PDB file of all heavy atoms in Angstrom:
ATOM      1  N   THR A   1      -5.150  -9.154   3.217  1.00  0.00           N
ATOM      2  CA  THR A   1      -5.015  -7.878   2.540  1.00  0.00           C
ATOM      3  C   THR A   1      -6.366  -7.390   2.017  1.00  0.00           C
ATOM      4  O   THR A   1      -7.282  -8.166   1.748  1.00  0.00           O
ATOM      5  CB  THR A   1      -4.037  -7.942   1.354  1.00  0.00           C
ATOM      6  OG1 THR A   1      -4.514  -8.902   0.407  1.00  0.00           O
ATOM      7  CG2 THR A   1      -2.655  -8.334   1.813  1.00  0.00           C
ATOM      8  N   ASN A   2      -6.471  -6.086   1.874  1.00  0.00           N
ATOM      9  CA  ASN A   2      -7.602  -5.505   1.179  1.00  0.00           C
ATOM     10  C   ASN A   2      -7.158  -4.233   0.472  1.00  0.00           C
ATOM     11  O   ASN A   2      -6.142  -3.627   0.852  1.00  0.00           O
ATOM     12  CB  ASN A   2      -8.793  -5.202   2.107  1.00  0.00           C
ATOM     13  CG  ASN A   2      -8.502  -4.112   3.087  1.00  0.00           C
ATOM     14  OD1 ASN A   2      -7.868  -4.367   4.098  1.00  0.00           O
ATOM     15  ND2 ASN A   2      -9.002  -2.916   2.822  1.00  0.00           N
ATOM     16  N   TYR A   3      -7.893  -3.894  -0.605  1.00  0.00           N
ATOM     17  CA  TYR A   3      -7.476  -2.800  -1.490  1.00  0.00           C
ATOM     18  C   TYR A   3      -8.664  -1.909  -1.827  1.00  0.00           C
ATOM     19  O   TYR A   3      -9.796  -2.364  -1.902  1.00  0.00           O
ATOM     20  CB  TYR A   3      -6.902  -3.383  -2.793  1.00  0.00           C
ATOM     21  CG  TYR A   3      -5.700  -4.239  -2.602  1.00  0.00           C
ATOM     22  CD1 TYR A   3      -5.801  -5.592  -2.420  1.00  0.00           C
ATOM     23  CD2 TYR A   3      -4.424  -3.658  -2.611  1.00  0.00           C
ATOM     24  CE1 TYR A   3      -4.671  -6.373  -2.238  1.00  0.00           C
ATOM     25  CE2 TYR A   3      -3.285  -4.444  -2.448  1.00  0.00           C
ATOM     26  CZ  TYR A   3      -3.446  -5.793  -2.248  1.00  0.00           C
ATOM     27  OH  TYR A   3      -2.309  -6.569  -2.081  1.00  0.00           O
ATOM     28  N   ALA A   4      -8.344  -0.655  -2.092  1.00  0.00           N
ATOM     29  CA  ALA A   4      -9.347   0.217  -2.667  1.00  0.00           C
ATOM     30  C   ALA A   4      -9.674  -0.280  -4.063  1.00  0.00           C
ATOM     31  O   ALA A   4      -8.804  -0.810  -4.776  1.00  0.00           O
ATOM     32  CB  ALA A   4      -8.825   1.652  -2.708  1.00  0.00           C
ATOM     33  N   ASP A   5     -10.919  -0.079  -4.470  1.00  0.00           N
ATOM     34  CA  ASP A   5     -11.331  -0.561  -5.793  1.00  0.00           C
ATOM     35  C   ASP A   5     -10.451   0.079  -6.887  1.00  0.00           C
ATOM     36  O   ASP A   5     -10.168  -0.583  -7.907  1.00  0.00           O
ATOM     37  CB  ASP A   5     -12.791  -0.213  -6.053  1.00  0.00           C
ATOM     38  CG  ASP A   5     -13.729  -1.093  -5.245  1.00  0.00           C
ATOM     39  OD1 ASP A   5     -13.299  -2.175  -4.748  1.00  0.00           O
ATOM     40  OD2 ASP A   5     -14.910  -0.715  -5.091  1.00  0.00           O
ATOM     41  N   SER A   6     -10.027   1.295  -6.668  1.00  0.00           N
ATOM     42  CA  SER A   6      -9.281   2.008  -7.716  1.00  0.00           C
ATOM     43  C   SER A   6      -7.890   1.441  -7.965  1.00  0.00           C
ATOM     44  O   SER A   6      -7.283   1.749  -9.006  1.00  0.00           O
ATOM     45  CB  SER A   6      -9.165   3.489  -7.335  1.00  0.00           C
ATOM     46  OG  SER A   6      -8.503   3.638  -6.088  1.00  0.00           O
ATOM     47  N   VAL A   7      -7.379   0.603  -7.040  1.00  0.00           N
ATOM     48  CA  VAL A   7      -6.040   0.073  -7.227  1.00  0.00           C
ATOM     49  C   VAL A   7      -6.003  -1.451  -7.335  1.00  0.00           C
ATOM     50  O   VAL A   7      -4.935  -2.021  -7.536  1.00  0.00           O
ATOM     51  CB  VAL A   7      -5.110   0.528  -6.097  1.00  0.00           C
ATOM     52  CG1 VAL A   7      -5.131   2.052  -5.956  1.00  0.00           C
ATOM     53  CG2 VAL A   7      -5.446  -0.147  -4.775  1.00  0.00           C
ATOM     54  N   LYS A   8      -7.148  -2.074  -7.184  1.00  0.00           N
ATOM     55  CA  LYS A   8      -7.175  -3.544  -7.257  1.00  0.00           C
ATOM     56  C   LYS A   8      -6.607  -4.025  -8.600  1.00  0.00           C
ATOM     57  O   LYS A   8      -6.962  -3.498  -9.659  1.00  0.00           O
ATOM     58  CB  LYS A   8      -8.617  -4.043  -7.092  1.00  0.00           C
ATOM     59  CG  LYS A   8      -9.072  -4.102  -5.673  1.00  0.00           C
ATOM     60  CD  LYS A   8     -10.488  -4.628  -5.549  1.00  0.00           C
ATOM     61  CE  LYS A   8     -10.961  -4.619  -4.117  1.00  0.00           C
ATOM     62  NZ  LYS A   8     -12.390  -5.049  -3.985  1.00  0.00           N
ATOM     63  N   GLY A   9      -5.779  -5.026  -8.525  1.00  0.00           N
ATOM     64  CA  GLY A   9      -5.177  -5.573  -9.712  1.00  0.00           C
ATOM     65  C   GLY A   9      -3.916  -4.844 -10.170  1.00  0.00           C
ATOM     66  O   GLY A   9      -3.192  -5.316 -11.045  1.00  0.00           O
ATOM     67  N   ARG A  10      -3.641  -3.680  -9.562  1.00  0.00           N
ATOM     68  CA  ARG A  10      -2.459  -2.913  -9.932  1.00  0.00           C
ATOM     69  C   ARG A  10      -1.468  -2.798  -8.776  1.00  0.00           C
ATOM     70  O   ARG A  10      -0.281  -2.771  -8.981  1.00  0.00           O
ATOM     71  CB  ARG A  10      -2.870  -1.506 -10.380  1.00  0.00           C
ATOM     72  CG  ARG A  10      -3.776  -1.506 -11.598  1.00  0.00           C
ATOM     73  CD  ARG A  10      -3.967  -0.066 -12.116  1.00  0.00           C
ATOM     74  NE  ARG A  10      -4.592   0.814 -11.148  1.00  0.00           N
ATOM     75  CZ  ARG A  10      -4.040   1.959 -10.697  1.00  0.00           C
ATOM     76  NH1 ARG A  10      -2.856   2.332 -11.134  1.00  0.00           N
ATOM     77  NH2 ARG A  10      -4.707   2.705  -9.835  1.00  0.00           N
ATOM     78  N   PHE A  11      -1.982  -2.698  -7.557  1.00  0.00           N
ATOM     79  CA  PHE A  11      -1.126  -2.540  -6.371  1.00  0.00           C
ATOM     80  C   PHE A  11      -1.122  -3.817  -5.553  1.00  0.00           C
ATOM     81  O   PHE A  11      -2.133  -4.524  -5.498  1.00  0.00           O
ATOM     82  CB  PHE A  11      -1.653  -1.421  -5.490  1.00  0.00           C
ATOM     83  CG  PHE A  11      -1.503  -0.001  -6.042  1.00  0.00           C
ATOM     84  CD1 PHE A  11      -1.153   0.218  -7.376  1.00  0.00           C
ATOM     85  CD2 PHE A  11      -1.736   1.091  -5.249  1.00  0.00           C
ATOM     86  CE1 PHE A  11      -1.018   1.485  -7.884  1.00  0.00           C
ATOM     87  CE2 PHE A  11      -1.586   2.377  -5.722  1.00  0.00           C
ATOM     88  CZ  PHE A  11      -1.254   2.574  -7.052  1.00  0.00           C
ATOM     89  N   THR A  12       0.000  -4.072  -4.908  1.00  0.00           N
ATOM     90  CA  THR A  12       0.122  -5.214  -4.017  1.00  0.00           C
ATOM     91  C   THR A  12       0.805  -4.800  -2.733  1.00  0.00           C
ATOM     92  O   THR A  12       1.909  -4.217  -2.778  1.00  0.00           O
ATOM     93  CB  THR A  12       0.943  -6.343  -4.663  1.00  0.00           C
ATOM     94  OG1 THR A  12       0.321  -6.741  -5.910  1.00  0.00           O
ATOM     95  CG2 THR A  12       1.019  -7.557  -3.725  1.00  0.00           C
ATOM     96  N   ILE A  13       0.180  -5.091  -1.624  1.00  0.00           N
ATOM     97  CA  ILE A  13       0.766  -4.808  -0.308  1.00  0.00           C
ATOM     98  C   ILE A  13       1.326  -6.089   0.238  1.00  0.00           C
ATOM     99  O   ILE A  13       0.753  -7.178   0.090  1.00  0.00           O
ATOM    100  CB  ILE A  13      -0.265  -4.168   0.636  1.00  0.00           C
ATOM    101  CG1 ILE A  13       0.409  -3.683   1.925  1.00  0.00           C
ATOM    102  CG2 ILE A  13      -1.418  -5.138   0.946  1.00  0.00           C
ATOM    103  CD1 ILE A  13      -0.523  -2.855   2.816  1.00  0.00           C
ATOM    104  N   SER A  14       2.487  -6.003   0.884  1.00  0.00           N
ATOM    105  CA  SER A  14       3.121  -7.171   1.485  1.00  0.00           C
ATOM    106  C   SER A  14       3.926  -6.715   2.694  1.00  0.00           C
ATOM    107  O   SER A  14       4.127  -5.510   2.886  1.00  0.00           O
ATOM    108  CB  SER A  14       4.009  -7.896   0.474  1.00  0.00           C
ATOM    109  OG  SER A  14       5.050  -7.038   0.039  1.00  0.00           O
ATOM    110  N   ARG A  15       4.358  -7.663   3.489  1.00  0.00           N
ATOM    111  CA  ARG A  15       5.131  -7.307   4.679  1.00  0.00           C
ATOM    112  C   ARG A  15       6.245  -8.323   4.877  1.00  0.00           C
ATOM    113  O   ARG A  15       6.116  -9.497   4.529  1.00  0.00           O
ATOM    114  CB  ARG A  15       4.223  -7.225   5.907  1.00  0.00           C
ATOM    115  CG  ARG A  15       3.596  -8.532   6.368  1.00  0.00           C
ATOM    116  CD  ARG A  15       2.546  -8.273   7.433  1.00  0.00           C
ATOM    117  NE  ARG A  15       3.097  -7.634   8.621  1.00  0.00           N
ATOM    118  CZ  ARG A  15       2.356  -6.951   9.495  1.00  0.00           C
ATOM    119  NH1 ARG A  15       1.062  -6.806   9.332  1.00  0.00           N
ATOM    120  NH2 ARG A  15       2.965  -6.403  10.573  1.00  0.00           N
ATOM    121  N   ASP A  16       7.303  -7.829   5.481  1.00  0.00           N
ATOM    122  CA  ASP A  16       8.439  -8.658   5.883  1.00  0.00           C
ATOM    123  C   ASP A  16       8.679  -8.341   7.370  1.00  0.00           C
ATOM    124  O   ASP A  16       9.324  -7.327   7.697  1.00  0.00           O
ATOM    125  CB  ASP A  16       9.692  -8.314   5.034  1.00  0.00           C
ATOM    126  CG  ASP A  16      10.863  -9.216   5.341  1.00  0.00           C
ATOM    127  OD1 ASP A  16      10.879  -9.834   6.437  1.00  0.00           O
ATOM    128  OD2 ASP A  16      11.780  -9.299   4.521  1.00  0.00           O
ATOM    129  N   ASN A  17       8.155  -9.178   8.223  1.00  0.00           N
ATOM    130  CA  ASN A  17       8.245  -8.903   9.655  1.00  0.00           C
ATOM    131  C   ASN A  17       9.667  -8.939  10.155  1.00  0.00           C
ATOM    132  O   ASN A  17      10.015  -8.232  11.127  1.00  0.00           O
ATOM    133  CB  ASN A  17       7.377  -9.868  10.443  1.00  0.00           C
ATOM    134  CG  ASN A  17       5.892  -9.645  10.202  1.00  0.00           C
ATOM    135  OD1 ASN A  17       5.448  -8.522   9.940  1.00  0.00           O
ATOM    136  ND2 ASN A  17       5.115 -10.685  10.306  1.00  0.00           N
ATOM    137  N   ALA A  18      10.529  -9.709   9.536  1.00  0.00           N
ATOM    138  CA  ALA A  18      11.924  -9.771   9.952  1.00  0.00           C
ATOM    139  C   ALA A  18      12.614  -8.436   9.745  1.00  0.00           C
ATOM    140  O   ALA A  18      13.603  -8.131  10.436  1.00  0.00           O
ATOM    141  CB  ALA A  18      12.670 -10.868   9.204  1.00  0.00           C
ATOM    142  N   LYS A  19      12.114  -7.653   8.791  1.00  0.00           N
ATOM    143  CA  LYS A  19      12.696  -6.354   8.479  1.00  0.00           C
ATOM    144  C   LYS A  19      11.850  -5.190   8.991  1.00  0.00           C
ATOM    145  O   LYS A  19      12.108  -4.033   8.685  1.00  0.00           O
ATOM    146  CB  LYS A  19      12.915  -6.213   6.979  1.00  0.00           C
ATOM    147  CG  LYS A  19      13.921  -7.198   6.392  1.00  0.00           C
ATOM    148  CD  LYS A  19      14.113  -6.959   4.907  1.00  0.00           C
ATOM    149  CE  LYS A  19      15.158  -7.928   4.345  1.00  0.00           C
ATOM    150  NZ  LYS A  19      15.380  -7.705   2.884  1.00  0.00           N
ATOM    151  N   ASN A  20      10.759  -5.520   9.711  1.00  0.00           N
ATOM    152  CA  ASN A  20       9.845  -4.475  10.203  1.00  0.00           C
ATOM    153  C   ASN A  20       9.379  -3.579   9.072  1.00  0.00           C
ATOM    154  O   ASN A  20       9.269  -2.344   9.237  1.00  0.00           O
ATOM    155  CB  ASN A  20      10.527  -3.625  11.288  1.00  0.00           C
ATOM    156  CG  ASN A  20      10.468  -4.246  12.650  1.00  0.00           C
ATOM    157  OD1 ASN A  20      10.227  -5.456  12.782  1.00  0.00           O
ATOM    158  ND2 ASN A  20      10.673  -3.455  13.690  1.00  0.00           N
ATOM    159  N   THR A  21       9.077  -4.156   7.931  1.00  0.00           N
ATOM    160  CA  THR A  21       8.790  -3.385   6.735  1.00  0.00           C
ATOM    161  C   THR A  21       7.514  -3.858   6.052  1.00  0.00           C
ATOM    162  O   THR A  21       7.275  -5.057   5.957  1.00  0.00           O
ATOM    163  CB  THR A  21       9.944  -3.465   5.743  1.00  0.00           C
ATOM    164  OG1 THR A  21      11.141  -2.975   6.375  1.00  0.00           O
ATOM    165  CG2 THR A  21       9.694  -2.628   4.501  1.00  0.00           C
ATOM    166  N   VAL A  22       6.767  -2.898   5.571  1.00  0.00           N
ATOM    167  CA  VAL A  22       5.599  -3.142   4.704  1.00  0.00           C
ATOM    168  C   VAL A  22       5.871  -2.485   3.367  1.00  0.00           C
ATOM    169  O   VAL A  22       6.372  -1.345   3.329  1.00  0.00           O
ATOM    170  CB  VAL A  22       4.295  -2.625   5.326  1.00  0.00           C
ATOM    171  CG1 VAL A  22       3.155  -2.676   4.321  1.00  0.00           C
ATOM    172  CG2 VAL A  22       3.915  -3.447   6.540  1.00  0.00           C
ATOM    173  N   TYR A  23       5.557  -3.183   2.301  1.00  0.00           N
ATOM    174  CA  TYR A  23       5.796  -2.693   0.959  1.00  0.00           C
ATOM    175  C   TYR A  23       4.472  -2.426   0.228  1.00  0.00           C
ATOM    176  O   TYR A  23       3.445  -3.058   0.520  1.00  0.00           O
ATOM    177  CB  TYR A  23       6.602  -3.717   0.139  1.00  0.00           C
ATOM    178  CG  TYR A  23       7.900  -4.086   0.756  1.00  0.00           C
ATOM    179  CD1 TYR A  23       8.039  -5.273   1.466  1.00  0.00           C
ATOM    180  CD2 TYR A  23       9.024  -3.275   0.617  1.00  0.00           C
ATOM    181  CE1 TYR A  23       9.253  -5.648   2.030  1.00  0.00           C
ATOM    182  CE2 TYR A  23      10.223  -3.634   1.169  1.00  0.00           C
ATOM    183  CZ  TYR A  23      10.334  -4.814   1.880  1.00  0.00           C
ATOM    184  OH  TYR A  23      11.549  -5.163   2.449  1.00  0.00           O
ATOM    185  N   LEU A  24       4.527  -1.517  -0.695  1.00  0.00           N
ATOM    186  CA  LEU A  24       3.414  -1.300  -1.618  1.00  0.00           C
ATOM    187  C   LEU A  24       3.983  -1.268  -3.032  1.00  0.00           C
ATOM    188  O   LEU A  24       4.626  -0.303  -3.424  1.00  0.00           O
ATOM    189  CB  LEU A  24       2.680  -0.011  -1.324  1.00  0.00           C
ATOM    190  CG  LEU A  24       1.388   0.226  -2.144  1.00  0.00           C
ATOM    191  CD1 LEU A  24       0.334  -0.818  -1.789  1.00  0.00           C
ATOM    192  CD2 LEU A  24       0.863   1.639  -1.954  1.00  0.00           C
ATOM    193  N   GLN A  25       3.750  -2.368  -3.723  1.00  0.00           N
ATOM    194  CA  GLN A  25       4.188  -2.476  -5.125  1.00  0.00           C
ATOM    195  C   GLN A  25       3.084  -1.841  -5.983  1.00  0.00           C
ATOM    196  O   GLN A  25       1.934  -2.321  -5.927  1.00  0.00           O
ATOM    197  CB  GLN A  25       4.437  -3.900  -5.525  1.00  0.00           C
ATOM    198  CG  GLN A  25       4.833  -4.088  -6.982  1.00  0.00           C
ATOM    199  CD  GLN A  25       6.179  -3.514  -7.312  1.00  0.00           C
ATOM    200  OE1 GLN A  25       7.135  -3.657  -6.529  1.00  0.00           O
ATOM    201  NE2 GLN A  25       6.267  -2.805  -8.406  1.00  0.00           N
ATOM    202  N   MET A  26       3.432  -0.858  -6.758  1.00  0.00           N
ATOM    203  CA  MET A  26       2.449  -0.137  -7.570  1.00  0.00           C
ATOM    204  C   MET A  26       2.833  -0.288  -9.046  1.00  0.00           C
ATOM    205  O   MET A  26       3.888   0.166  -9.462  1.00  0.00           O
ATOM    206  CB  MET A  26       2.421   1.346  -7.177  1.00  0.00           C
ATOM    207  CG  MET A  26       2.166   1.567  -5.689  1.00  0.00           C
ATOM    208  SD  MET A  26       1.935   3.295  -5.263  1.00  0.00           S
ATOM    209  CE  MET A  26       3.538   3.971  -5.668  1.00  0.00           C
ATOM    210  N   ASN A  27       1.974  -0.946  -9.789  1.00  0.00           N
ATOM    211  CA  ASN A  27       2.176  -1.168 -11.227  1.00  0.00           C
ATOM    212  C   ASN A  27       1.120  -0.441 -12.023  1.00  0.00           C
ATOM    213  O   ASN A  27       0.085  -0.044 -11.479  1.00  0.00           O
ATOM    214  CB  ASN A  27       2.157  -2.650 -11.529  1.00  0.00           C
ATOM    215  CG  ASN A  27       3.216  -3.441 -10.827  1.00  0.00           C
ATOM    216  OD1 ASN A  27       4.324  -2.935 -10.562  1.00  0.00           O
ATOM    217  ND2 ASN A  27       2.941  -4.677 -10.489  1.00  0.00           N
ATOM    218  N   SER A  28       1.375  -0.286 -13.307  1.00  0.00           N
ATOM    219  CA  SER A  28       0.404   0.354 -14.206  1.00  0.00           C
ATOM    220  C   SER A  28      -0.088   1.677 -13.623  1.00  0.00           C
ATOM    221  O   SER A  28      -1.296   1.952 -13.587  1.00  0.00           O
ATOM    222  CB  SER A  28      -0.770  -0.581 -14.468  1.00  0.00           C
ATOM    223  OG  SER A  28      -0.344  -1.809 -15.016  1.00  0.00           O
ATOM    224  N   LEU A  29       0.842   2.474 -13.182  1.00  0.00           N
ATOM    225  CA  LEU A  29       0.487   3.714 -12.524  1.00  0.00           C
ATOM    226  C   LEU A  29      -0.206   4.690 -13.487  1.00  0.00           C
ATOM    227  O   LEU A  29       0.095   4.730 -14.702  1.00  0.00           O
ATOM    228  CB  LEU A  29       1.717   4.383 -11.915  1.00  0.00           C
ATOM    229  CG  LEU A  29       2.196   3.727 -10.606  1.00  0.00           C
ATOM    230  CD1 LEU A  29       3.634   4.089 -10.311  1.00  0.00           C
ATOM    231  CD2 LEU A  29       1.280   4.136  -9.452  1.00  0.00           C
ATOM    232  N   LYS A  30      -1.140   5.444 -12.910  1.00  0.00           N
ATOM    233  CA  LYS A  30      -1.925   6.433 -13.658  1.00  0.00           C
ATOM    234  C   LYS A  30      -1.712   7.820 -13.058  1.00  0.00           C
ATOM    235  O   LYS A  30      -1.394   7.949 -11.881  1.00  0.00           O
ATOM    236  CB  LYS A  30      -3.401   6.064 -13.570  1.00  0.00           C
ATOM    237  CG  LYS A  30      -3.762   4.673 -13.994  1.00  0.00           C
ATOM    238  CD  LYS A  30      -5.236   4.378 -13.750  1.00  0.00           C
ATOM    239  CE  LYS A  30      -5.608   2.971 -14.123  1.00  0.00           C
ATOM    240  NZ  LYS A  30      -7.053   2.689 -13.866  1.00  0.00           N
ATOM    241  N   PRO A  31      -1.926   8.847 -13.845  1.00  0.00           N
ATOM    242  CA  PRO A  31      -1.835  10.204 -13.257  1.00  0.00           C
ATOM    243  C   PRO A  31      -2.726  10.385 -12.007  1.00  0.00           C
ATOM    244  O   PRO A  31      -2.362  11.124 -11.109  1.00  0.00           O
ATOM    245  CB  PRO A  31      -2.270  11.101 -14.419  1.00  0.00           C
ATOM    246  CG  PRO A  31      -1.835  10.352 -15.630  1.00  0.00           C
ATOM    247  CD  PRO A  31      -2.092   8.884 -15.286  1.00  0.00           C
ATOM    248  N   ALA A  32      -3.858   9.682 -11.987  1.00  0.00           N
ATOM    249  CA  ALA A  32      -4.768   9.773 -10.834  1.00  0.00           C
ATOM    250  C   ALA A  32      -4.173   9.194  -9.569  1.00  0.00           C
ATOM    251  O   ALA A  32      -4.706   9.408  -8.467  1.00  0.00           O
ATOM    252  CB  ALA A  32      -6.082   9.078 -11.157  1.00  0.00           C
ATOM    253  N   ASP A  33      -3.077   8.474  -9.694  1.00  0.00           N
ATOM    254  CA  ASP A  33      -2.399   7.897  -8.507  1.00  0.00           C
ATOM    255  C   ASP A  33      -1.458   8.911  -7.845  1.00  0.00           C
ATOM    256  O   ASP A  33      -0.888   8.640  -6.801  1.00  0.00           O
ATOM    257  CB  ASP A  33      -1.605   6.651  -8.882  1.00  0.00           C
ATOM    258  CG  ASP A  33      -2.477   5.522  -9.359  1.00  0.00           C
ATOM    259  OD1 ASP A  33      -3.549   5.271  -8.753  1.00  0.00           O
ATOM    260  OD2 ASP A  33      -2.093   4.865 -10.363  1.00  0.00           O
ATOM    261  N   THR A  34      -1.293  10.061  -8.466  1.00  0.00           N
ATOM    262  CA  THR A  34      -0.422  11.095  -7.906  1.00  0.00           C
ATOM    263  C   THR A  34      -0.929  11.551  -6.552  1.00  0.00           C
ATOM    264  O   THR A  34      -2.097  11.932  -6.406  1.00  0.00           O
ATOM    265  CB  THR A  34      -0.338  12.301  -8.865  1.00  0.00           C
ATOM    266  OG1 THR A  34       0.295  11.893 -10.077  1.00  0.00           O
ATOM    267  CG2 THR A  34       0.441  13.425  -8.232  1.00  0.00           C
ATOM    268  N   ALA A  35      -0.085  11.449  -5.545  1.00  0.00           N
ATOM    269  CA  ALA A  35      -0.484  11.801  -4.173  1.00  0.00           C
ATOM    270  C   ALA A  35       0.720  11.637  -3.253  1.00  0.00           C
ATOM    271  O   ALA A  35       1.770  11.120  -3.642  1.00  0.00           O
ATOM    272  CB  ALA A  35      -1.616  10.883  -3.703  1.00  0.00           C
ATOM    273  N   VAL A  36       0.529  12.076  -2.015  1.00  0.00           N
ATOM    274  CA  VAL A  36       1.477  11.737  -0.962  1.00  0.00           C
ATOM    275  C   VAL A  36       0.970  10.432  -0.306  1.00  0.00           C
ATOM    276  O   VAL A  36      -0.176  10.362   0.127  1.00  0.00           O
ATOM    277  CB  VAL A  36       1.577  12.833   0.097  1.00  0.00           C
ATOM    278  CG1 VAL A  36       2.473  12.404   1.274  1.00  0.00           C
ATOM    279  CG2 VAL A  36       2.115  14.127  -0.542  1.00  0.00           C
ATOM    280  N   TYR A  37       1.864   9.463  -0.250  1.00  0.00           N
ATOM    281  CA  TYR A  37       1.516   8.151   0.290  1.00  0.00           C
ATOM    282  C   TYR A  37       2.131   8.019   1.666  1.00  0.00           C
ATOM    283  O   TYR A  37       3.335   8.271   1.862  1.00  0.00           O
ATOM    284  CB  TYR A  37       2.039   7.049  -0.622  1.00  0.00           C
ATOM    285  CG  TYR A  37       1.245   6.885  -1.876  1.00  0.00           C
ATOM    286  CD1 TYR A  37       1.278   7.844  -2.905  1.00  0.00           C
ATOM    287  CD2 TYR A  37       0.384   5.781  -2.079  1.00  0.00           C
ATOM    288  CE1 TYR A  37       0.525   7.715  -4.064  1.00  0.00           C
ATOM    289  CE2 TYR A  37      -0.357   5.649  -3.226  1.00  0.00           C
ATOM    290  CZ  TYR A  37      -0.295   6.608  -4.207  1.00  0.00           C
ATOM    291  OH  TYR A  37      -1.055   6.466  -5.370  1.00  0.00           O
ATOM    292  N   SER A  38       1.310   7.590   2.612  1.00  0.00           N
ATOM    293  CA  SER A  38       1.741   7.447   3.987  1.00  0.00           C
ATOM    294  C   SER A  38       1.301   6.115   4.542  1.00  0.00           C
ATOM    295  O   SER A  38       0.246   5.602   4.173  1.00  0.00           O
ATOM    296  CB  SER A  38       1.136   8.547   4.880  1.00  0.00           C
ATOM    297  OG  SER A  38       1.448   9.849   4.406  1.00  0.00           O
ATOM    298  N   CYS A  39       2.119   5.550   5.423  1.00  0.00           N
ATOM    299  CA  CYS A  39       1.702   4.324   6.095  1.00  0.00           C
ATOM    300  C   CYS A  39       1.242   4.659   7.512  1.00  0.00           C
ATOM    301  O   CYS A  39       1.641   5.683   8.086  1.00  0.00           O
ATOM    302  CB  CYS A  39       2.829   3.286   6.096  1.00  0.00           C
ATOM    303  SG  CYS A  39       4.351   3.814   6.859  1.00  0.00           S
ATOM    304  N   MET A  40       0.412   3.789   8.019  1.00  0.00           N
ATOM    305  CA  MET A  40      -0.164   4.019   9.338  1.00  0.00           C
ATOM    306  C   MET A  40      -0.344   2.703  10.080  1.00  0.00           C
ATOM    307  O   MET A  40      -0.739   1.708   9.482  1.00  0.00           O
ATOM    308  CB  MET A  40      -1.525   4.705   9.177  1.00  0.00           C
ATOM    309  CG  MET A  40      -2.132   5.207  10.492  1.00  0.00           C
ATOM    310  SD  MET A  40      -3.136   3.945  11.354  1.00  0.00           S
ATOM    311  CE  MET A  40      -4.631   4.007  10.375  1.00  0.00           C
ATOM    312  N   ILE A  41      -0.046   2.738  11.342  1.00  0.00           N
ATOM    313  CA  ILE A  41      -0.306   1.598  12.234  1.00  0.00           C
ATOM    314  C   ILE A  41      -1.286   2.011  13.298  1.00  0.00           C
ATOM    315  O   ILE A  41      -1.022   2.963  14.067  1.00  0.00           O
ATOM    316  CB  ILE A  41       1.001   1.116  12.901  1.00  0.00           C
ATOM    317  CG1 ILE A  41       1.907   0.445  11.862  1.00  0.00           C
ATOM    318  CG2 ILE A  41       0.689   0.133  14.041  1.00  0.00           C
ATOM    319  CD1 ILE A  41       3.228  -0.058  12.416  1.00  0.00           C
ATOM    320  N   PRO A  42      -2.420   1.384  13.353  1.00  0.00           N
ATOM    321  CA  PRO A  42      -3.411   1.680  14.403  1.00  0.00           C
ATOM    322  C   PRO A  42      -3.113   0.859  15.656  1.00  0.00           C
ATOM    323  O   PRO A  42      -2.848  -0.338  15.559  1.00  0.00           O
ATOM    324  CB  PRO A  42      -4.720   1.258  13.770  1.00  0.00           C
ATOM    325  CG  PRO A  42      -4.336   0.140  12.852  1.00  0.00           C
ATOM    326  CD  PRO A  42      -2.938   0.398  12.401  1.00  0.00           C
ATOM    327  N   THR A  43      -3.145   1.519  16.792  1.00  0.00           N
ATOM    328  CA  THR A  43      -3.015   0.778  18.051  1.00  0.00           C
ATOM    329  C   THR A  43      -4.164   1.183  18.958  1.00  0.00           C
ATOM    330  O   THR A  43      -4.936   2.077  18.641  1.00  0.00           O
ATOM    331  CB  THR A  43      -1.676   1.058  18.745  1.00  0.00           C
ATOM    332  OG1 THR A  43      -1.687   2.405  19.286  1.00  0.00           O
ATOM    333  CG2 THR A  43      -0.506   0.884  17.810  1.00  0.00           C
ATOM    334  N   ARG A  44      -4.234   0.524  20.084  1.00  0.00           N
ATOM    335  CA  ARG A  44      -5.318   0.829  21.036  1.00  0.00           C
ATOM    336  C   ARG A  44      -5.270   2.265  21.482  1.00  0.00           C
ATOM    337  O   ARG A  44      -6.333   2.893  21.731  1.00  0.00           O
ATOM    338  CB  ARG A  44      -5.183  -0.091  22.240  1.00  0.00           C
ATOM    339  CG  ARG A  44      -6.185   0.187  23.354  1.00  0.00           C
ATOM    340  CD  ARG A  44      -5.926  -0.656  24.550  1.00  0.00           C
ATOM    341  NE  ARG A  44      -5.972  -2.108  24.302  1.00  0.00           N
ATOM    342  CZ  ARG A  44      -5.771  -3.051  25.205  1.00  0.00           C
ATOM    343  NH1 ARG A  44      -5.476  -2.682  26.443  1.00  0.00           N
ATOM    344  NH2 ARG A  44      -5.840  -4.313  24.909  1.00  0.00           N
ATOM    345  N   TYR A  45      -4.084   2.824  21.574  1.00  0.00           N
ATOM    346  CA  TYR A  45      -3.950   4.144  22.173  1.00  0.00           C
ATOM    347  C   TYR A  45      -3.888   5.270  21.159  1.00  0.00           C
ATOM    348  O   TYR A  45      -4.335   6.387  21.419  1.00  0.00           O
ATOM    349  CB  TYR A  45      -2.695   4.173  23.057  1.00  0.00           C
ATOM    350  CG  TYR A  45      -2.732   3.091  24.116  1.00  0.00           C
ATOM    351  CD1 TYR A  45      -1.921   1.948  23.996  1.00  0.00           C
ATOM    352  CD2 TYR A  45      -3.579   3.170  25.199  1.00  0.00           C
ATOM    353  CE1 TYR A  45      -1.977   0.959  24.942  1.00  0.00           C
ATOM    354  CE2 TYR A  45      -3.627   2.190  26.183  1.00  0.00           C
ATOM    355  CZ  TYR A  45      -2.827   1.082  26.013  1.00  0.00           C
ATOM    356  OH  TYR A  45      -2.879   0.089  26.954  1.00  0.00           O
TER     357      TYR A  45
END
């Protein structure tokens, strides 16, 4: 895993491959965290 400096220690990313799911646990949220959050999978194509 890797994190933006602004969220280190507050956010945790994890995955459950059996469920085809990635999670983002966000704690100690700040007004600066307000945004649209999207997930992305990069592939060769």
